Amino acid sequence: MVKEPTVFVVDDDQAVRDSLCWLIEAAGLNVKAFNSAQEFLAVYDPQWAGCLVLDVRLPGMSGLELQRELVQRQITLPIIIITGHGDVSTAVRAMKAGAVDFIEKPFSDELLIQRVRDALEKDAQNRQVTADRNNIQQRIALLTPREKQVLELVVQGKLNKQIAADLHLSQKTVEAHRANLMSKMQATNVADLVKQAMGANLDFNGSGEHI
């Protein structure tokens, strides 16, 4: 079980792995090393925070193939590609596949550590966004179908009077539904409510149900 953000190093050259591990540990960061893409995939848990320092040329599954596999598994771990055989086309493919950086060997220790810290920060931000979205979706799940309809219309910028007319309800009933959904969504004001709905990427189908 990996509890702290960790730099995962995948390189088939033991001397390179040892050097990278020493460098990363010397910078005060956690690191785990693997000699192949398959070995990494066999043990990695998407819940583990961190980043991936990945050699582009590996026996069996290549670095770029590992990138594609991670995308298919919807794993968004930031990737830094390192290679001693860099060329423009490989760099372009790596970046398009989701790499946050591409560094050619030999590289400076300071450069690598800075890029690693940037990748770890990016991963932390991504995980926070995901956690916030999940929290909002859990709140939305508490809403009744009618409250979801009211939420949809509030997000559209409609006033209580307009919502009442659209839903064929009294304005007082709309106010009650609105107060309930504000409480369930833990929203301090309408702007906060709209922000939450946008943050959850809500897409309503017109019946108050988000899809």
N, C-alpha and C. Protein backbone atom coordinates (compact mmCIF):
# COMPACT_ATOMS: atom_id res chain seq x y z
N MET A 1 0.85 -1.21 0.00
CA MET A 1 0.00 0.00 0.00
C MET A 1 0.88 1.25 0.00
N VAL A 2 0.68 2.12 -0.98
CA VAL A 2 1.45 3.36 -1.09
C VAL A 2 0.57 4.49 -0.56
N LYS A 3 0.96 5.11 0.55
CA LYS A 3 0.14 6.12 1.19
C LYS A 3 0.52 7.54 0.80
N GLU A 4 1.82 7.78 0.57
CA GLU A 4 2.28 9.12 0.24
C GLU A 4 2.46 9.26 -1.27
N PRO A 5 2.33 10.50 -1.81
CA PRO A 5 2.61 10.72 -3.24
C PRO A 5 3.98 10.14 -3.57
N THR A 6 4.04 9.38 -4.65
CA THR A 6 5.24 8.63 -4.99
C THR A 6 5.62 8.83 -6.45
N VAL A 7 6.92 8.89 -6.69
CA VAL A 7 7.43 8.94 -8.06
C VAL A 7 7.68 7.50 -8.50
N PHE A 8 6.96 7.05 -9.51
CA PHE A 8 7.12 5.70 -10.01
C PHE A 8 8.07 5.75 -11.22
N VAL A 9 9.17 5.04 -11.12
CA VAL A 9 10.19 5.02 -12.17
C VAL A 9 10.11 3.70 -12.91
N VAL A 10 9.97 3.76 -14.23
CA VAL A 10 9.97 2.55 -15.05
C VAL A 10 11.08 2.66 -16.08
N ASP A 11 12.14 1.85 -15.89
CA ASP A 11 13.30 1.86 -16.79
C ASP A 11 13.96 0.48 -16.69
N ASP A 12 14.33 -0.10 -17.83
CA ASP A 12 14.89 -1.45 -17.82
C ASP A 12 16.39 -1.46 -17.51
N ASP A 13 17.01 -0.29 -17.45
CA ASP A 13 18.44 -0.19 -17.14
C ASP A 13 18.60 -0.01 -15.63
N GLN A 14 19.16 -1.03 -14.97
CA GLN A 14 19.27 -0.98 -13.52
C GLN A 14 20.11 0.19 -13.04
N ALA A 15 21.19 0.51 -13.77
CA ALA A 15 22.04 1.63 -13.36
C ALA A 15 21.24 2.93 -13.40
N VAL A 16 20.41 3.09 -14.43
CA VAL A 16 19.58 4.30 -14.55
C VAL A 16 18.54 4.32 -13.44
N ARG A 17 17.90 3.19 -13.19
CA ARG A 17 16.90 3.12 -12.12
C ARG A 17 17.51 3.51 -10.78
N ASP A 18 18.68 2.93 -10.49
CA ASP A 18 19.34 3.21 -9.22
C ASP A 18 19.69 4.69 -9.11
N SER A 19 20.18 5.26 -10.22
CA SER A 19 20.56 6.67 -10.22
C SER A 19 19.35 7.57 -10.00
N LEU A 20 18.25 7.24 -10.69
CA LEU A 20 17.03 8.05 -10.55
C LEU A 20 16.47 7.94 -9.13
N CYS A 21 16.47 6.74 -8.60
CA CYS A 21 15.96 6.55 -7.24
C CYS A 21 16.78 7.34 -6.23
N TRP A 22 18.09 7.29 -6.38
CA TRP A 22 18.96 8.04 -5.47
C TRP A 22 18.68 9.53 -5.57
N LEU A 23 18.55 10.03 -6.80
CA LEU A 23 18.31 11.45 -7.02
C LEU A 23 16.97 11.89 -6.43
N ILE A 24 15.94 11.10 -6.67
CA ILE A 24 14.60 11.45 -6.20
C ILE A 24 14.51 11.37 -4.68
N GLU A 25 15.11 10.34 -4.10
CA GLU A 25 15.12 10.22 -2.65
C GLU A 25 15.91 11.35 -2.00
N ALA A 26 17.02 11.74 -2.64
CA ALA A 26 17.84 12.83 -2.12
C ALA A 26 17.07 14.14 -2.10
N ALA A 27 16.05 14.25 -2.97
CA ALA A 27 15.22 15.45 -3.02
C ALA A 27 14.08 15.38 -1.99
N GLY A 28 14.06 14.30 -1.20
CA GLY A 28 13.04 14.17 -0.16
C GLY A 28 11.72 13.61 -0.64
N LEU A 29 11.74 12.92 -1.79
CA LEU A 29 10.51 12.39 -2.36
C LEU A 29 10.49 10.86 -2.29
N ASN A 30 9.29 10.30 -2.21
CA ASN A 30 9.14 8.84 -2.23
C ASN A 30 9.29 8.33 -3.65
N VAL A 31 9.88 7.15 -3.80
CA VAL A 31 10.08 6.59 -5.13
C VAL A 31 9.95 5.08 -5.10
N LYS A 32 9.39 4.52 -6.17
CA LYS A 32 9.33 3.08 -6.38
C LYS A 32 9.76 2.81 -7.81
N ALA A 33 10.62 1.81 -8.01
CA ALA A 33 11.17 1.55 -9.34
C ALA A 33 10.71 0.20 -9.89
N PHE A 34 10.56 0.14 -11.22
CA PHE A 34 10.13 -1.07 -11.92
C PHE A 34 10.99 -1.23 -13.17
N ASN A 35 11.25 -2.48 -13.55
CA ASN A 35 12.12 -2.70 -14.72
C ASN A 35 11.34 -2.90 -16.02
N SER A 36 10.00 -2.89 -15.94
CA SER A 36 9.20 -3.04 -17.16
C SER A 36 7.82 -2.43 -16.96
N ALA A 37 7.17 -2.17 -18.09
CA ALA A 37 5.80 -1.64 -18.03
C ALA A 37 4.87 -2.67 -17.41
N GLN A 38 5.07 -3.92 -17.76
CA GLN A 38 4.21 -4.98 -17.24
C GLN A 38 4.33 -5.09 -15.72
N GLU A 39 5.55 -4.97 -15.20
CA GLU A 39 5.75 -5.05 -13.76
C GLU A 39 5.02 -3.89 -13.06
N PHE A 40 5.08 -2.71 -13.65
CA PHE A 40 4.39 -1.56 -13.08
C PHE A 40 2.88 -1.77 -13.08
N LEU A 41 2.33 -2.20 -14.22
CA LEU A 41 0.89 -2.40 -14.33
C LEU A 41 0.38 -3.47 -13.38
N ALA A 42 1.22 -4.46 -13.10
CA ALA A 42 0.81 -5.58 -12.25
C ALA A 42 0.55 -5.15 -10.81
N VAL A 43 1.18 -4.06 -10.38
CA VAL A 43 1.05 -3.67 -8.97
C VAL A 43 0.42 -2.29 -8.76
N TYR A 44 0.36 -1.45 -9.80
CA TYR A 44 -0.11 -0.08 -9.58
C TYR A 44 -1.60 -0.03 -9.29
N ASP A 45 -1.95 0.74 -8.27
CA ASP A 45 -3.34 1.00 -7.89
C ASP A 45 -3.66 2.45 -8.24
N PRO A 46 -4.72 2.71 -9.03
CA PRO A 46 -5.07 4.08 -9.41
C PRO A 46 -5.28 5.03 -8.23
N GLN A 47 -5.51 4.47 -7.03
CA GLN A 47 -5.69 5.31 -5.86
C GLN A 47 -4.35 5.90 -5.39
N TRP A 48 -3.24 5.34 -5.87
CA TRP A 48 -1.93 5.82 -5.45
C TRP A 48 -1.60 7.13 -6.15
N ALA A 49 -1.34 8.16 -5.38
CA ALA A 49 -1.00 9.47 -5.93
C ALA A 49 0.47 9.51 -6.32
N GLY A 50 0.79 10.39 -7.26
CA GLY A 50 2.19 10.55 -7.65
C GLY A 50 2.34 10.91 -9.11
N CYS A 51 3.45 10.48 -9.69
CA CYS A 51 3.70 10.68 -11.11
C CYS A 51 4.57 9.54 -11.61
N LEU A 52 4.67 9.44 -12.92
CA LEU A 52 5.41 8.35 -13.54
C LEU A 52 6.57 8.90 -14.37
N VAL A 53 7.78 8.44 -14.04
CA VAL A 53 8.96 8.76 -14.84
C VAL A 53 9.23 7.53 -15.69
N LEU A 54 9.07 7.67 -17.00
CA LEU A 54 8.97 6.51 -17.88
C LEU A 54 9.96 6.56 -19.04
N ASP A 55 10.75 5.50 -19.18
CA ASP A 55 11.64 5.38 -20.32
C ASP A 55 10.81 5.02 -21.55
N VAL A 56 11.12 5.61 -22.68
CA VAL A 56 10.30 5.38 -23.87
C VAL A 56 10.59 4.02 -24.49
N ARG A 57 11.82 3.52 -24.33
CA ARG A 57 12.19 2.23 -24.91
C ARG A 57 12.34 1.19 -23.81
N LEU A 58 11.43 0.23 -23.84
CA LEU A 58 11.41 -0.82 -22.84
C LEU A 58 11.21 -2.17 -23.52
N PRO A 59 11.71 -3.23 -22.93
CA PRO A 59 11.44 -4.57 -23.49
C PRO A 59 9.97 -4.92 -23.33
N GLY A 60 9.41 -5.58 -24.32
CA GLY A 60 7.98 -5.90 -24.26
C GLY A 60 7.16 -4.67 -24.57
N MET A 61 6.36 -4.23 -23.60
CA MET A 61 5.52 -3.05 -23.79
C MET A 61 6.38 -1.79 -23.70
N SER A 62 6.34 -0.96 -24.73
CA SER A 62 7.13 0.28 -24.75
C SER A 62 6.50 1.34 -23.86
N GLY A 63 7.25 2.42 -23.65
CA GLY A 63 6.72 3.51 -22.85
C GLY A 63 5.45 4.10 -23.45
N LEU A 64 5.44 4.28 -24.77
CA LEU A 64 4.26 4.85 -25.42
C LEU A 64 3.07 3.88 -25.35
N GLU A 65 3.36 2.59 -25.44
CA GLU A 65 2.28 1.60 -25.31
C GLU A 65 1.72 1.60 -23.89
N LEU A 66 2.58 1.80 -22.91
CA LEU A 66 2.11 1.90 -21.53
C LEU A 66 1.22 3.13 -21.37
N GLN A 67 1.61 4.23 -21.99
CA GLN A 67 0.77 5.43 -21.95
C GLN A 67 -0.63 5.13 -22.47
N ARG A 68 -0.69 4.48 -23.62
CA ARG A 68 -1.99 4.16 -24.22
C ARG A 68 -2.82 3.25 -23.30
N GLU A 69 -2.15 2.29 -22.65
CA GLU A 69 -2.84 1.39 -21.75
C GLU A 69 -3.41 2.15 -20.55
N LEU A 70 -2.64 3.09 -20.03
CA LEU A 70 -3.12 3.88 -18.89
C LEU A 70 -4.33 4.73 -19.29
N VAL A 71 -4.31 5.27 -20.50
CA VAL A 71 -5.45 6.05 -21.00
C VAL A 71 -6.68 5.16 -21.09
N GLN A 72 -6.51 3.95 -21.63
CA GLN A 72 -7.64 3.03 -21.75
C GLN A 72 -8.21 2.67 -20.38
N ARG A 73 -7.35 2.61 -19.37
CA ARG A 73 -7.80 2.29 -18.02
C ARG A 73 -8.28 3.53 -17.26
N GLN A 74 -8.27 4.68 -17.96
CA GLN A 74 -8.69 5.96 -17.37
C GLN A 74 -7.85 6.32 -16.15
N ILE A 75 -6.57 6.02 -16.23
CA ILE A 75 -5.61 6.39 -15.20
C ILE A 75 -4.91 7.67 -15.65
N THR A 76 -5.03 8.73 -14.86
CA THR A 76 -4.54 10.04 -15.26
C THR A 76 -3.23 10.42 -14.59
N LEU A 77 -2.45 9.44 -14.17
CA LEU A 77 -1.17 9.69 -13.53
C LEU A 77 -0.28 10.51 -14.47
N PRO A 78 0.21 11.69 -14.03
CA PRO A 78 1.07 12.51 -14.90
C PRO A 78 2.34 11.74 -15.27
N ILE A 79 2.73 11.83 -16.54
CA ILE A 79 3.86 11.06 -17.05
C ILE A 79 4.96 11.98 -17.56
N ILE A 80 6.18 11.69 -17.13
CA ILE A 80 7.37 12.36 -17.67
C ILE A 80 8.14 11.31 -18.46
N ILE A 81 8.24 11.52 -19.76
CA ILE A 81 8.97 10.58 -20.62
C ILE A 81 10.46 10.94 -20.61
N ILE A 82 11.31 9.92 -20.41
CA ILE A 82 12.75 10.13 -20.54
C ILE A 82 13.29 9.15 -21.58
N THR A 83 14.22 9.60 -22.39
CA THR A 83 14.76 8.74 -23.42
C THR A 83 16.14 9.19 -23.85
N GLY A 84 16.94 8.24 -24.28
CA GLY A 84 18.24 8.56 -24.87
C GLY A 84 18.18 8.51 -26.37
N HIS A 85 17.01 8.28 -26.88
CA HIS A 85 16.83 8.14 -28.33
C HIS A 85 15.73 9.09 -28.82
N GLY A 86 15.69 10.28 -28.25
CA GLY A 86 14.61 11.20 -28.54
C GLY A 86 14.63 11.75 -29.95
N ASP A 87 13.45 11.89 -30.54
CA ASP A 87 13.29 12.60 -31.80
C ASP A 87 11.95 13.32 -31.76
N VAL A 88 11.73 14.18 -32.73
CA VAL A 88 10.54 15.02 -32.71
C VAL A 88 9.26 14.19 -32.75
N SER A 89 9.20 13.18 -33.61
CA SER A 89 7.97 12.40 -33.75
C SER A 89 7.64 11.65 -32.47
N THR A 90 8.66 11.11 -31.79
CA THR A 90 8.42 10.42 -30.53
C THR A 90 7.92 11.40 -29.47
N ALA A 91 8.51 12.58 -29.43
CA ALA A 91 8.09 13.60 -28.47
C ALA A 91 6.63 13.99 -28.70
N VAL A 92 6.27 14.17 -29.97
CA VAL A 92 4.90 14.56 -30.29
C VAL A 92 3.92 13.46 -29.87
N ARG A 93 4.26 12.22 -30.17
CA ARG A 93 3.38 11.10 -29.79
C ARG A 93 3.24 11.02 -28.28
N ALA A 94 4.36 11.21 -27.58
CA ALA A 94 4.32 11.13 -26.11
C ALA A 94 3.43 12.22 -25.53
N MET A 95 3.57 13.45 -26.03
CA MET A 95 2.77 14.55 -25.50
C MET A 95 1.30 14.37 -25.84
N LYS A 96 0.99 13.90 -27.06
CA LYS A 96 -0.39 13.68 -27.45
C LYS A 96 -1.03 12.57 -26.61
N ALA A 97 -0.21 11.62 -26.18
CA ALA A 97 -0.72 10.51 -25.38
C ALA A 97 -0.91 10.91 -23.93
N GLY A 98 -0.53 12.12 -23.57
CA GLY A 98 -0.80 12.61 -22.23
C GLY A 98 0.41 12.91 -21.37
N ALA A 99 1.61 12.76 -21.93
CA ALA A 99 2.80 13.07 -21.14
C ALA A 99 2.81 14.55 -20.77
N VAL A 100 3.23 14.86 -19.55
CA VAL A 100 3.31 16.26 -19.14
C VAL A 100 4.67 16.84 -19.51
N ASP A 101 5.63 15.96 -19.81
CA ASP A 101 6.95 16.45 -20.20
C ASP A 101 7.72 15.37 -20.94
N PHE A 102 8.76 15.79 -21.63
CA PHE A 102 9.59 14.90 -22.43
C PHE A 102 11.03 15.36 -22.25
N ILE A 103 11.85 14.52 -21.65
CA ILE A 103 13.23 14.91 -21.35
C ILE A 103 14.21 13.92 -21.99
N GLU A 104 15.18 14.46 -22.70
CA GLU A 104 16.18 13.61 -23.32
C GLU A 104 17.39 13.42 -22.41
N LYS A 105 17.93 12.20 -22.39
CA LYS A 105 19.17 11.91 -21.67
C LYS A 105 20.34 12.44 -22.51
N PRO A 106 21.37 12.97 -21.89
CA PRO A 106 21.49 13.23 -20.45
C PRO A 106 20.75 14.52 -20.07
N PHE A 107 20.21 14.57 -18.87
CA PHE A 107 19.49 15.74 -18.40
C PHE A 107 20.07 16.15 -17.06
N SER A 108 19.85 17.40 -16.69
CA SER A 108 20.37 17.87 -15.40
C SER A 108 19.48 17.38 -14.27
N ASP A 109 20.10 17.10 -13.13
CA ASP A 109 19.35 16.64 -11.97
C ASP A 109 18.31 17.66 -11.56
N GLU A 110 18.70 18.94 -11.59
CA GLU A 110 17.78 20.00 -11.17
C GLU A 110 16.55 20.06 -12.07
N LEU A 111 16.77 19.87 -13.38
CA LEU A 111 15.65 19.91 -14.32
C LEU A 111 14.67 18.78 -14.04
N LEU A 112 15.18 17.58 -13.86
CA LEU A 112 14.30 16.45 -13.62
C LEU A 112 13.50 16.63 -12.33
N ILE A 113 14.16 17.02 -11.26
CA ILE A 113 13.46 17.17 -9.98
C ILE A 113 12.39 18.25 -10.08
N GLN A 114 12.66 19.34 -10.77
CA GLN A 114 11.67 20.39 -10.92
C GLN A 114 10.46 19.88 -11.71
N ARG A 115 10.73 19.13 -12.77
CA ARG A 115 9.62 18.59 -13.58
C ARG A 115 8.82 17.56 -12.76
N VAL A 116 9.51 16.79 -11.94
CA VAL A 116 8.83 15.82 -11.08
C VAL A 116 7.94 16.54 -10.08
N ARG A 117 8.46 17.60 -9.46
CA ARG A 117 7.64 18.35 -8.50
C ARG A 117 6.42 18.96 -9.19
N ASP A 118 6.60 19.46 -10.41
CA ASP A 118 5.47 20.01 -11.17
C ASP A 118 4.42 18.93 -11.44
N ALA A 119 4.89 17.72 -11.79
CA ALA A 119 3.97 16.62 -12.09
C ALA A 119 3.22 16.19 -10.84
N LEU A 120 3.90 16.15 -9.70
CA LEU A 120 3.25 15.79 -8.44
C LEU A 120 2.17 16.81 -8.07
N GLU A 121 2.47 18.09 -8.31
CA GLU A 121 1.49 19.14 -8.04
C GLU A 121 0.29 19.00 -8.96
N LYS A 122 0.54 18.68 -10.21
CA LYS A 122 -0.55 18.49 -11.17
C LYS A 122 -1.44 17.33 -10.75
N ASP A 123 -0.83 16.24 -10.29
CA ASP A 123 -1.60 15.08 -9.84
C ASP A 123 -2.46 15.44 -8.63
N ALA A 124 -1.88 16.20 -7.69
CA ALA A 124 -2.63 16.61 -6.50
C ALA A 124 -3.84 17.46 -6.89
N GLN A 125 -3.64 18.37 -7.84
CA GLN A 125 -4.74 19.22 -8.30
C GLN A 125 -5.82 18.39 -8.98
N ASN A 126 -5.40 17.45 -9.83
CA ASN A 126 -6.36 16.59 -10.54
C ASN A 126 -7.19 15.77 -9.55
N ARG A 127 -6.53 15.23 -8.54
CA ARG A 127 -7.23 14.41 -7.56
C ARG A 127 -8.20 15.24 -6.72
N GLN A 128 -7.84 16.49 -6.44
CA GLN A 128 -8.73 17.36 -5.68
C GLN A 128 -9.97 17.69 -6.50
N VAL A 129 -9.78 17.96 -7.79
CA VAL A 129 -10.91 18.24 -8.67
C VAL A 129 -11.86 17.04 -8.72
N THR A 130 -11.27 15.84 -8.84
CA THR A 130 -12.08 14.62 -8.89
C THR A 130 -12.83 14.41 -7.59
N ALA A 131 -12.16 14.63 -6.46
CA ALA A 131 -12.80 14.47 -5.15
C ALA A 131 -13.95 15.46 -4.98
N ASP A 132 -13.72 16.71 -5.40
CA ASP A 132 -14.77 17.73 -5.30
C ASP A 132 -15.98 17.35 -6.15
N ARG A 133 -15.71 16.86 -7.37
CA ARG A 133 -16.79 16.47 -8.27
C ARG A 133 -17.58 15.31 -7.68
N ASN A 134 -16.88 14.35 -7.11
CA ASN A 134 -17.57 13.20 -6.51
C ASN A 134 -18.45 13.64 -5.34
N ASN A 135 -17.94 14.58 -4.54
CA ASN A 135 -18.73 15.08 -3.41
C ASN A 135 -20.01 15.76 -3.88
N ILE A 136 -19.87 16.55 -4.96
CA ILE A 136 -21.04 17.25 -5.49
C ILE A 136 -22.05 16.25 -6.05
N GLN A 137 -21.57 15.23 -6.74
CA GLN A 137 -22.47 14.23 -7.31
C GLN A 137 -23.19 13.45 -6.22
N GLN A 138 -22.51 13.23 -5.10
CA GLN A 138 -23.16 12.56 -3.96
C GLN A 138 -24.27 13.44 -3.39
N ARG A 139 -24.04 14.74 -3.36
CA ARG A 139 -25.08 15.65 -2.88
C ARG A 139 -26.27 15.66 -3.83
N ILE A 140 -25.98 15.69 -5.13
CA ILE A 140 -27.04 15.70 -6.14
C ILE A 140 -27.90 14.44 -6.03
N ALA A 141 -27.26 13.32 -5.69
CA ALA A 141 -27.99 12.06 -5.56
C ALA A 141 -29.03 12.11 -4.44
N LEU A 142 -28.88 13.05 -3.51
CA LEU A 142 -29.82 13.19 -2.40
C LEU A 142 -31.08 13.97 -2.80
N LEU A 143 -31.02 14.64 -3.96
CA LEU A 143 -32.15 15.47 -4.39
C LEU A 143 -33.30 14.62 -4.92
N THR A 144 -34.51 15.08 -4.68
CA THR A 144 -35.68 14.43 -5.27
C THR A 144 -35.75 14.82 -6.75
N PRO A 145 -36.53 14.07 -7.56
CA PRO A 145 -36.67 14.44 -8.98
C PRO A 145 -37.15 15.89 -9.16
N ARG A 146 -38.07 16.34 -8.31
CA ARG A 146 -38.58 17.71 -8.42
C ARG A 146 -37.48 18.72 -8.08
N GLU A 147 -36.70 18.41 -7.04
CA GLU A 147 -35.60 19.30 -6.67
C GLU A 147 -34.56 19.39 -7.79
N LYS A 148 -34.35 18.29 -8.50
CA LYS A 148 -33.42 18.31 -9.63
C LYS A 148 -33.95 19.19 -10.75
N GLN A 149 -35.27 19.15 -10.95
CA GLN A 149 -35.86 20.02 -11.97
C GLN A 149 -35.67 21.49 -11.59
N VAL A 150 -35.90 21.79 -10.32
CA VAL A 150 -35.71 23.17 -9.85
C VAL A 150 -34.25 23.57 -10.00
N LEU A 151 -33.33 22.65 -9.67
CA LEU A 151 -31.90 22.94 -9.81
C LEU A 151 -31.55 23.27 -11.25
N GLU A 152 -32.08 22.50 -12.18
CA GLU A 152 -31.81 22.74 -13.60
C GLU A 152 -32.23 24.16 -13.99
N LEU A 153 -33.39 24.58 -13.54
CA LEU A 153 -33.91 25.89 -13.92
C LEU A 153 -33.18 27.02 -13.19
N VAL A 154 -32.76 26.77 -11.96
CA VAL A 154 -31.96 27.77 -11.24
C VAL A 154 -30.64 27.98 -11.97
N VAL A 155 -30.02 26.88 -12.39
CA VAL A 155 -28.75 26.97 -13.11
C VAL A 155 -28.92 27.75 -14.42
N GLN A 156 -30.12 27.66 -15.01
CA GLN A 156 -30.40 28.41 -16.24
C GLN A 156 -30.62 29.90 -15.96
N GLY A 157 -30.66 30.27 -14.67
CA GLY A 157 -30.81 31.67 -14.32
C GLY A 157 -32.24 32.14 -14.13
N LYS A 158 -33.16 31.20 -14.02
CA LYS A 158 -34.57 31.57 -13.89
C LYS A 158 -34.93 31.92 -12.45
N LEU A 159 -35.86 32.86 -12.32
CA LEU A 159 -36.35 33.29 -11.00
C LEU A 159 -37.43 32.33 -10.52
N ASN A 160 -37.73 32.40 -9.22
CA ASN A 160 -38.74 31.51 -8.65
C ASN A 160 -40.08 31.60 -9.40
N LYS A 161 -40.47 32.82 -9.76
CA LYS A 161 -41.74 33.02 -10.46
C LYS A 161 -41.74 32.30 -11.81
N GLN A 162 -40.61 32.37 -12.51
CA GLN A 162 -40.50 31.71 -13.81
C GLN A 162 -40.46 30.19 -13.65
N ILE A 163 -39.76 29.72 -12.62
CA ILE A 163 -39.68 28.28 -12.36
C ILE A 163 -41.07 27.75 -12.03
N ALA A 164 -41.83 28.51 -11.22
CA ALA A 164 -43.18 28.10 -10.85
C ALA A 164 -44.06 27.94 -12.08
N ALA A 165 -43.94 28.89 -13.02
CA ALA A 165 -44.74 28.82 -14.24
C ALA A 165 -44.32 27.62 -15.10
N ASP A 166 -43.02 27.39 -15.22
CA ASP A 166 -42.52 26.28 -16.05
C ASP A 166 -42.96 24.92 -15.50
N LEU A 167 -42.99 24.80 -14.17
CA LEU A 167 -43.28 23.50 -13.54
C LEU A 167 -44.73 23.39 -13.07
N HIS A 168 -45.50 24.46 -13.33
CA HIS A 168 -46.93 24.48 -12.94
C HIS A 168 -47.07 24.26 -11.43
N LEU A 169 -46.27 25.01 -10.68
CA LEU A 169 -46.29 24.95 -9.23
C LEU A 169 -46.53 26.35 -8.68
N SER A 170 -46.89 26.41 -7.40
CA SER A 170 -47.00 27.72 -6.77
C SER A 170 -45.59 28.23 -6.47
N GLN A 171 -45.45 29.54 -6.39
CA GLN A 171 -44.14 30.11 -6.11
C GLN A 171 -43.66 29.68 -4.73
N LYS A 172 -44.60 29.54 -3.79
CA LYS A 172 -44.22 29.12 -2.43
C LYS A 172 -43.64 27.71 -2.45
N THR A 173 -44.22 26.83 -3.28
CA THR A 173 -43.72 25.45 -3.38
C THR A 173 -42.31 25.44 -3.98
N VAL A 174 -42.12 26.28 -4.98
CA VAL A 174 -40.79 26.38 -5.59
C VAL A 174 -39.77 26.87 -4.56
N GLU A 175 -40.18 27.84 -3.77
CA GLU A 175 -39.28 28.37 -2.74
C GLU A 175 -38.88 27.27 -1.75
N ALA A 176 -39.83 26.39 -1.43
CA ALA A 176 -39.56 25.30 -0.50
C ALA A 176 -38.58 24.30 -1.11
N HIS A 177 -38.82 23.94 -2.40
CA HIS A 177 -37.91 23.02 -3.08
C HIS A 177 -36.51 23.64 -3.19
N ARG A 178 -36.50 24.91 -3.47
CA ARG A 178 -35.21 25.60 -3.63
C ARG A 178 -34.43 25.64 -2.31
N ALA A 179 -35.13 25.88 -1.23
CA ALA A 179 -34.48 25.90 0.08
C ALA A 179 -33.94 24.52 0.43
N ASN A 180 -34.72 23.48 0.09
CA ASN A 180 -34.28 22.12 0.38
C ASN A 180 -33.04 21.74 -0.42
N LEU A 181 -33.04 22.09 -1.70
CA LEU A 181 -31.89 21.70 -2.53
C LEU A 181 -30.65 22.51 -2.17
N MET A 182 -30.85 23.76 -1.76
CA MET A 182 -29.71 24.56 -1.32
C MET A 182 -29.07 23.93 -0.09
N SER A 183 -29.93 23.41 0.82
CA SER A 183 -29.44 22.77 2.03
C SER A 183 -28.70 21.47 1.71
N LYS A 184 -29.31 20.64 0.86
CA LYS A 184 -28.71 19.36 0.50
C LYS A 184 -27.40 19.55 -0.27
N MET A 185 -27.32 20.59 -1.08
CA MET A 185 -26.11 20.87 -1.86
C MET A 185 -25.06 21.63 -1.04
N GLN A 186 -25.45 22.02 0.18
CA GLN A 186 -24.56 22.78 1.06
C GLN A 186 -24.06 24.05 0.36
N ALA A 187 -24.98 24.69 -0.38
CA ALA A 187 -24.65 25.90 -1.12
C ALA A 187 -24.96 27.13 -0.28
N THR A 188 -24.04 28.06 -0.25
CA THR A 188 -24.23 29.28 0.54
C THR A 188 -25.06 30.32 -0.19
N ASN A 189 -25.06 30.27 -1.53
CA ASN A 189 -25.84 31.19 -2.34
C ASN A 189 -26.02 30.60 -3.73
N VAL A 190 -26.75 31.32 -4.59
CA VAL A 190 -27.03 30.81 -5.93
C VAL A 190 -25.74 30.65 -6.74
N ALA A 191 -24.83 31.59 -6.59
CA ALA A 191 -23.57 31.52 -7.33
C ALA A 191 -22.82 30.23 -6.97
N ASP A 192 -22.83 29.88 -5.69
CA ASP A 192 -22.17 28.65 -5.24
C ASP A 192 -22.87 27.43 -5.82
N LEU A 193 -24.20 27.47 -5.86
CA LEU A 193 -24.98 26.37 -6.41
C LEU A 193 -24.65 26.15 -7.89
N VAL A 194 -24.61 27.24 -8.65
CA VAL A 194 -24.29 27.16 -10.08
C VAL A 194 -22.87 26.65 -10.28
N LYS A 195 -21.96 27.13 -9.44
CA LYS A 195 -20.56 26.69 -9.53
C LYS A 195 -20.44 25.19 -9.30
N GLN A 196 -21.18 24.68 -8.32
CA GLN A 196 -21.15 23.25 -8.05
C GLN A 196 -21.69 22.46 -9.24
N ALA A 197 -22.82 22.92 -9.80
CA ALA A 197 -23.41 22.22 -10.94
C ALA A 197 -22.44 22.19 -12.13
N MET A 198 -21.76 23.31 -12.35
CA MET A 198 -20.79 23.37 -13.45
C MET A 198 -19.58 22.49 -13.14
N GLY A 199 -19.16 22.48 -11.85
CA GLY A 199 -18.02 21.67 -11.46
C GLY A 199 -18.27 20.19 -11.61
N ALA A 200 -19.55 19.79 -11.49
CA ALA A 200 -19.91 18.38 -11.64
C ALA A 200 -20.18 18.02 -13.09
N ASN A 201 -20.04 19.01 -13.98
CA ASN A 201 -20.29 18.80 -15.41
C ASN A 201 -21.70 18.25 -15.64
N LEU A 202 -22.67 18.85 -14.98
CA LEU A 202 -24.04 18.36 -15.12
C LEU A 202 -24.56 18.61 -16.53
N ASP A 203 -25.23 17.59 -17.07
CA ASP A 203 -25.87 17.71 -18.37
C ASP A 203 -27.29 17.19 -18.20
N PHE A 204 -28.26 18.12 -18.15
CA PHE A 204 -29.63 17.73 -17.89
C PHE A 204 -30.32 17.28 -19.17
N ASN A 205 -31.25 16.34 -19.03
CA ASN A 205 -31.97 15.86 -20.21
C ASN A 205 -33.34 16.49 -20.34
N GLY A 206 -33.59 17.52 -19.51
CA GLY A 206 -34.86 18.24 -19.63
C GLY A 206 -35.90 17.80 -18.64
N SER A 207 -35.66 16.70 -17.93
CA SER A 207 -36.63 16.21 -16.96
C SER A 207 -36.13 16.37 -15.54
N GLY A 208 -34.98 17.04 -15.40
CA GLY A 208 -34.42 17.19 -14.08
C GLY A 208 -33.41 16.11 -13.76
N GLU A 209 -33.25 15.15 -14.66
CA GLU A 209 -32.27 14.09 -14.46
C GLU A 209 -30.97 14.49 -15.19
N HIS A 210 -29.82 14.34 -14.51
CA HIS A 210 -28.58 14.65 -15.20
C HIS A 210 -28.00 13.37 -15.76
N ILE A 211 -27.39 13.51 -16.96
CA ILE A 211 -26.92 12.33 -17.70
C ILE A 211 -25.45 12.48 -18.00
